[in-house]
Amino acid sequence: MSDPITLQMAQRGVLTLPKGLRQAYKLEAGDTLTLIDLGGVFVLSPRRAELDRLADQIAGDLAQRGESLESMLLALREVREQYGRPD
């Protein structure tokens, strides 16, 4: 484990990551990082959250099939209604 790094927040909440970290993790301006708040302990990761990746994958799959969130919710409602009806 490496030594702690102290960061100072600038105006509008801006933090600057030290150059050594940016180089080590190949971070560039505009890259997205994931911040997780664990009850006051912040974890900053250069990887996107798994949930974000899965949401993007599902959205892409739906778009390829011409589906939308609204059409999927409507189909779900219809299936639920069928289960509630006697044969």
N, C-alpha and C. Protein backbone atom coordinates (compact mmCIF):
# COMPACT_ATOMS: atom_id res chain seq x y z
N MET A 1 0.85 -1.18 0.00
CA MET A 1 0.00 0.00 0.00
C MET A 1 0.89 1.23 0.00
N SER A 2 0.54 2.22 -0.80
CA SER A 2 1.36 3.42 -0.90
C SER A 2 1.01 4.41 0.21
N ASP A 3 1.84 5.40 0.34
CA ASP A 3 1.62 6.43 1.36
C ASP A 3 0.40 7.27 1.00
N PRO A 4 -0.30 7.78 2.03
CA PRO A 4 -1.46 8.64 1.75
C PRO A 4 -1.04 9.91 1.00
N ILE A 5 -1.93 10.39 0.18
CA ILE A 5 -1.70 11.63 -0.58
C ILE A 5 -2.72 12.64 -0.11
N THR A 6 -2.26 13.83 0.22
CA THR A 6 -3.15 14.89 0.67
C THR A 6 -3.51 15.76 -0.52
N LEU A 7 -4.81 15.96 -0.71
CA LEU A 7 -5.30 16.82 -1.78
C LEU A 7 -5.99 18.02 -1.16
N GLN A 8 -5.92 19.16 -1.82
CA GLN A 8 -6.63 20.34 -1.35
C GLN A 8 -7.69 20.72 -2.37
N MET A 9 -8.91 20.92 -1.88
CA MET A 9 -10.01 21.27 -2.77
C MET A 9 -9.92 22.74 -3.16
N ALA A 10 -10.01 23.00 -4.45
CA ALA A 10 -9.99 24.37 -4.97
C ALA A 10 -11.42 24.86 -5.13
N GLN A 11 -11.57 26.00 -5.76
CA GLN A 11 -12.90 26.56 -5.98
C GLN A 11 -13.77 25.57 -6.75
N ARG A 12 -15.06 25.61 -6.44
CA ARG A 12 -16.06 24.78 -7.09
C ARG A 12 -15.80 23.29 -6.91
N GLY A 13 -15.06 22.90 -5.87
CA GLY A 13 -14.86 21.50 -5.55
C GLY A 13 -13.83 20.78 -6.41
N VAL A 14 -13.00 21.51 -7.11
CA VAL A 14 -12.02 20.89 -8.00
C VAL A 14 -10.85 20.31 -7.21
N LEU A 15 -10.51 19.04 -7.51
CA LEU A 15 -9.34 18.38 -6.94
C LEU A 15 -8.38 18.07 -8.08
N THR A 16 -7.09 18.21 -7.83
CA THR A 16 -6.09 17.86 -8.83
C THR A 16 -5.35 16.62 -8.36
N LEU A 17 -5.36 15.60 -9.20
CA LEU A 17 -4.61 14.38 -8.89
C LEU A 17 -3.14 14.62 -9.23
N PRO A 18 -2.23 14.17 -8.37
CA PRO A 18 -0.81 14.36 -8.66
C PRO A 18 -0.41 13.75 -10.00
N LYS A 19 0.54 14.38 -10.64
CA LYS A 19 0.99 13.95 -11.97
C LYS A 19 1.42 12.49 -11.98
N GLY A 20 2.09 12.04 -10.92
CA GLY A 20 2.55 10.65 -10.86
C GLY A 20 1.39 9.66 -10.93
N LEU A 21 0.27 9.96 -10.26
CA LEU A 21 -0.91 9.09 -10.32
C LEU A 21 -1.53 9.12 -11.71
N ARG A 22 -1.64 10.33 -12.28
CA ARG A 22 -2.22 10.44 -13.62
C ARG A 22 -1.41 9.64 -14.63
N GLN A 23 -0.09 9.72 -14.52
CA GLN A 23 0.77 8.96 -15.44
C GLN A 23 0.68 7.47 -15.19
N ALA A 24 0.71 7.07 -13.92
CA ALA A 24 0.69 5.64 -13.57
C ALA A 24 -0.57 4.94 -14.07
N TYR A 25 -1.69 5.66 -14.03
CA TYR A 25 -2.97 5.07 -14.43
C TYR A 25 -3.44 5.56 -15.79
N LYS A 26 -2.56 6.23 -16.49
CA LYS A 26 -2.85 6.73 -17.85
C LYS A 26 -4.15 7.54 -17.89
N LEU A 27 -4.30 8.44 -16.92
CA LEU A 27 -5.48 9.30 -16.85
C LEU A 27 -5.22 10.58 -17.63
N GLU A 28 -6.22 10.98 -18.39
CA GLU A 28 -6.11 12.20 -19.19
C GLU A 28 -7.32 13.08 -18.93
N ALA A 29 -7.20 14.34 -19.30
CA ALA A 29 -8.31 15.29 -19.15
C ALA A 29 -9.55 14.72 -19.82
N GLY A 30 -10.68 14.77 -19.12
CA GLY A 30 -11.93 14.27 -19.66
C GLY A 30 -12.24 12.83 -19.28
N ASP A 31 -11.26 12.10 -18.72
CA ASP A 31 -11.52 10.73 -18.28
C ASP A 31 -12.54 10.74 -17.15
N THR A 32 -13.33 9.67 -17.08
CA THR A 32 -14.34 9.53 -16.04
C THR A 32 -13.81 8.64 -14.93
N LEU A 33 -14.01 9.09 -13.69
CA LEU A 33 -13.64 8.30 -12.52
C LEU A 33 -14.90 8.02 -11.72
N THR A 34 -14.88 6.96 -10.94
CA THR A 34 -16.02 6.62 -10.09
C THR A 34 -15.68 6.93 -8.65
N LEU A 35 -16.55 7.66 -7.97
CA LEU A 35 -16.38 8.01 -6.56
C LEU A 35 -17.46 7.29 -5.76
N ILE A 36 -17.03 6.52 -4.76
CA ILE A 36 -17.95 5.81 -3.90
C ILE A 36 -17.78 6.35 -2.48
N ASP A 37 -18.89 6.73 -1.85
CA ASP A 37 -18.88 7.23 -0.48
C ASP A 37 -19.22 6.08 0.45
N LEU A 38 -18.27 5.64 1.23
CA LEU A 38 -18.47 4.55 2.18
C LEU A 38 -18.60 5.14 3.58
N GLY A 39 -19.65 5.90 3.78
CA GLY A 39 -19.89 6.49 5.09
C GLY A 39 -18.82 7.48 5.50
N GLY A 40 -18.40 8.32 4.60
CA GLY A 40 -17.40 9.34 4.89
C GLY A 40 -16.00 8.97 4.45
N VAL A 41 -15.81 7.75 4.00
CA VAL A 41 -14.54 7.33 3.42
C VAL A 41 -14.76 7.26 1.91
N PHE A 42 -14.01 8.07 1.17
CA PHE A 42 -14.21 8.14 -0.27
C PHE A 42 -13.25 7.21 -0.99
N VAL A 43 -13.79 6.45 -1.93
CA VAL A 43 -12.98 5.59 -2.79
C VAL A 43 -13.10 6.15 -4.20
N LEU A 44 -11.97 6.49 -4.78
CA LEU A 44 -11.94 7.04 -6.13
C LEU A 44 -11.27 6.02 -7.04
N SER A 45 -11.99 5.60 -8.08
CA SER A 45 -11.48 4.56 -8.95
C SER A 45 -11.43 5.05 -10.39
N PRO A 46 -10.35 4.72 -11.11
CA PRO A 46 -10.29 5.10 -12.53
C PRO A 46 -11.16 4.22 -13.40
N ARG A 47 -11.80 3.21 -12.83
CA ARG A 47 -12.70 2.35 -13.59
C ARG A 47 -14.13 2.77 -13.34
N ARG A 48 -14.96 2.60 -14.35
CA ARG A 48 -16.38 2.90 -14.20
C ARG A 48 -17.02 1.86 -13.31
N ALA A 49 -18.04 2.27 -12.61
CA ALA A 49 -18.76 1.33 -11.77
C ALA A 49 -19.37 0.23 -12.64
N GLU A 50 -19.39 -0.98 -12.14
CA GLU A 50 -19.95 -2.12 -12.87
C GLU A 50 -21.41 -1.85 -13.26
N LEU A 51 -22.14 -1.19 -12.37
CA LEU A 51 -23.53 -0.88 -12.65
C LEU A 51 -23.66 0.01 -13.89
N ASP A 52 -22.78 0.98 -14.02
CA ASP A 52 -22.80 1.85 -15.21
C ASP A 52 -22.58 1.04 -16.48
N ARG A 53 -21.61 0.11 -16.43
CA ARG A 53 -21.31 -0.70 -17.61
C ARG A 53 -22.49 -1.59 -17.98
N LEU A 54 -23.11 -2.18 -16.96
CA LEU A 54 -24.26 -3.04 -17.23
C LEU A 54 -25.44 -2.24 -17.78
N ALA A 55 -25.67 -1.06 -17.22
CA ALA A 55 -26.77 -0.22 -17.71
C ALA A 55 -26.54 0.17 -19.17
N ASP A 56 -25.29 0.51 -19.51
CA ASP A 56 -24.97 0.85 -20.91
C ASP A 56 -25.18 -0.35 -21.83
N GLN A 57 -24.79 -1.54 -21.36
CA GLN A 57 -24.95 -2.75 -22.16
C GLN A 57 -26.43 -3.04 -22.40
N ILE A 58 -27.24 -2.94 -21.36
CA ILE A 58 -28.68 -3.19 -21.50
C ILE A 58 -29.31 -2.17 -22.43
N ALA A 59 -28.94 -0.90 -22.27
CA ALA A 59 -29.49 0.15 -23.14
C ALA A 59 -29.13 -0.11 -24.60
N GLY A 60 -27.88 -0.53 -24.84
CA GLY A 60 -27.45 -0.84 -26.20
C GLY A 60 -28.21 -2.01 -26.79
N ASP A 61 -28.40 -3.06 -25.98
CA ASP A 61 -29.15 -4.23 -26.44
C ASP A 61 -30.60 -3.86 -26.78
N LEU A 62 -31.21 -3.05 -25.93
CA LEU A 62 -32.59 -2.62 -26.19
C LEU A 62 -32.67 -1.78 -27.46
N ALA A 63 -31.73 -0.88 -27.63
CA ALA A 63 -31.73 -0.01 -28.82
C ALA A 63 -31.57 -0.82 -30.10
N GLN A 64 -30.71 -1.86 -30.06
CA GLN A 64 -30.52 -2.71 -31.24
C GLN A 64 -31.80 -3.44 -31.62
N ARG A 65 -32.63 -3.74 -30.65
CA ARG A 65 -33.89 -4.45 -30.91
C ARG A 65 -35.03 -3.48 -31.14
N GLY A 66 -34.75 -2.18 -31.13
CA GLY A 66 -35.80 -1.20 -31.33
C GLY A 66 -36.69 -1.02 -30.12
N GLU A 67 -36.22 -1.45 -28.97
CA GLU A 67 -36.99 -1.34 -27.74
C GLU A 67 -36.62 -0.07 -26.99
N SER A 68 -37.53 0.34 -26.12
CA SER A 68 -37.26 1.46 -25.23
C SER A 68 -37.65 1.02 -23.82
N LEU A 69 -37.27 1.79 -22.86
CA LEU A 69 -37.65 1.47 -21.48
C LEU A 69 -39.16 1.43 -21.35
N GLU A 70 -39.84 2.35 -22.00
CA GLU A 70 -41.31 2.41 -21.93
C GLU A 70 -41.94 1.15 -22.51
N SER A 71 -41.42 0.68 -23.65
CA SER A 71 -42.00 -0.52 -24.26
C SER A 71 -41.74 -1.75 -23.39
N MET A 72 -40.59 -1.81 -22.74
CA MET A 72 -40.29 -2.94 -21.85
C MET A 72 -41.19 -2.92 -20.62
N LEU A 73 -41.45 -1.75 -20.06
CA LEU A 73 -42.34 -1.65 -18.90
C LEU A 73 -43.76 -2.03 -19.28
N LEU A 74 -44.21 -1.64 -20.48
CA LEU A 74 -45.54 -2.00 -20.95
C LEU A 74 -45.64 -3.53 -21.10
N ALA A 75 -44.62 -4.15 -21.69
CA ALA A 75 -44.63 -5.60 -21.86
C ALA A 75 -44.63 -6.29 -20.50
N LEU A 76 -43.89 -5.78 -19.55
CA LEU A 76 -43.87 -6.34 -18.20
C LEU A 76 -45.25 -6.26 -17.55
N ARG A 77 -45.91 -5.11 -17.72
CA ARG A 77 -47.26 -4.93 -17.17
C ARG A 77 -48.23 -5.94 -17.79
N GLU A 78 -48.13 -6.16 -19.10
CA GLU A 78 -49.01 -7.10 -19.78
C GLU A 78 -48.79 -8.53 -19.28
N VAL A 79 -47.53 -8.91 -19.08
CA VAL A 79 -47.24 -10.27 -18.58
C VAL A 79 -47.77 -10.42 -17.16
N ARG A 80 -47.60 -9.41 -16.35
CA ARG A 80 -48.10 -9.48 -14.97
C ARG A 80 -49.62 -9.62 -14.95
N GLU A 81 -50.30 -8.94 -15.85
CA GLU A 81 -51.76 -9.04 -15.92
C GLU A 81 -52.17 -10.46 -16.33
N GLN A 82 -51.43 -11.08 -17.23
CA GLN A 82 -51.75 -12.46 -17.65
C GLN A 82 -51.63 -13.42 -16.48
N TYR A 83 -50.65 -13.24 -15.63
CA TYR A 83 -50.49 -14.12 -14.48
C TYR A 83 -51.60 -13.94 -13.47
N GLY A 84 -52.20 -12.77 -13.46
CA GLY A 84 -53.29 -12.52 -12.52
C GLY A 84 -54.63 -13.05 -12.98
N ARG A 85 -54.76 -13.46 -14.25
CA ARG A 85 -56.02 -13.95 -14.81
C ARG A 85 -56.10 -15.46 -14.76
N PRO A 86 -57.27 -16.00 -14.41
CA PRO A 86 -57.44 -17.47 -14.49
C PRO A 86 -57.55 -17.90 -15.95
N ASP A 87 -57.12 -19.12 -16.26
CA ASP A 87 -57.16 -19.65 -17.64
C ASP A 87 -58.55 -19.89 -18.13
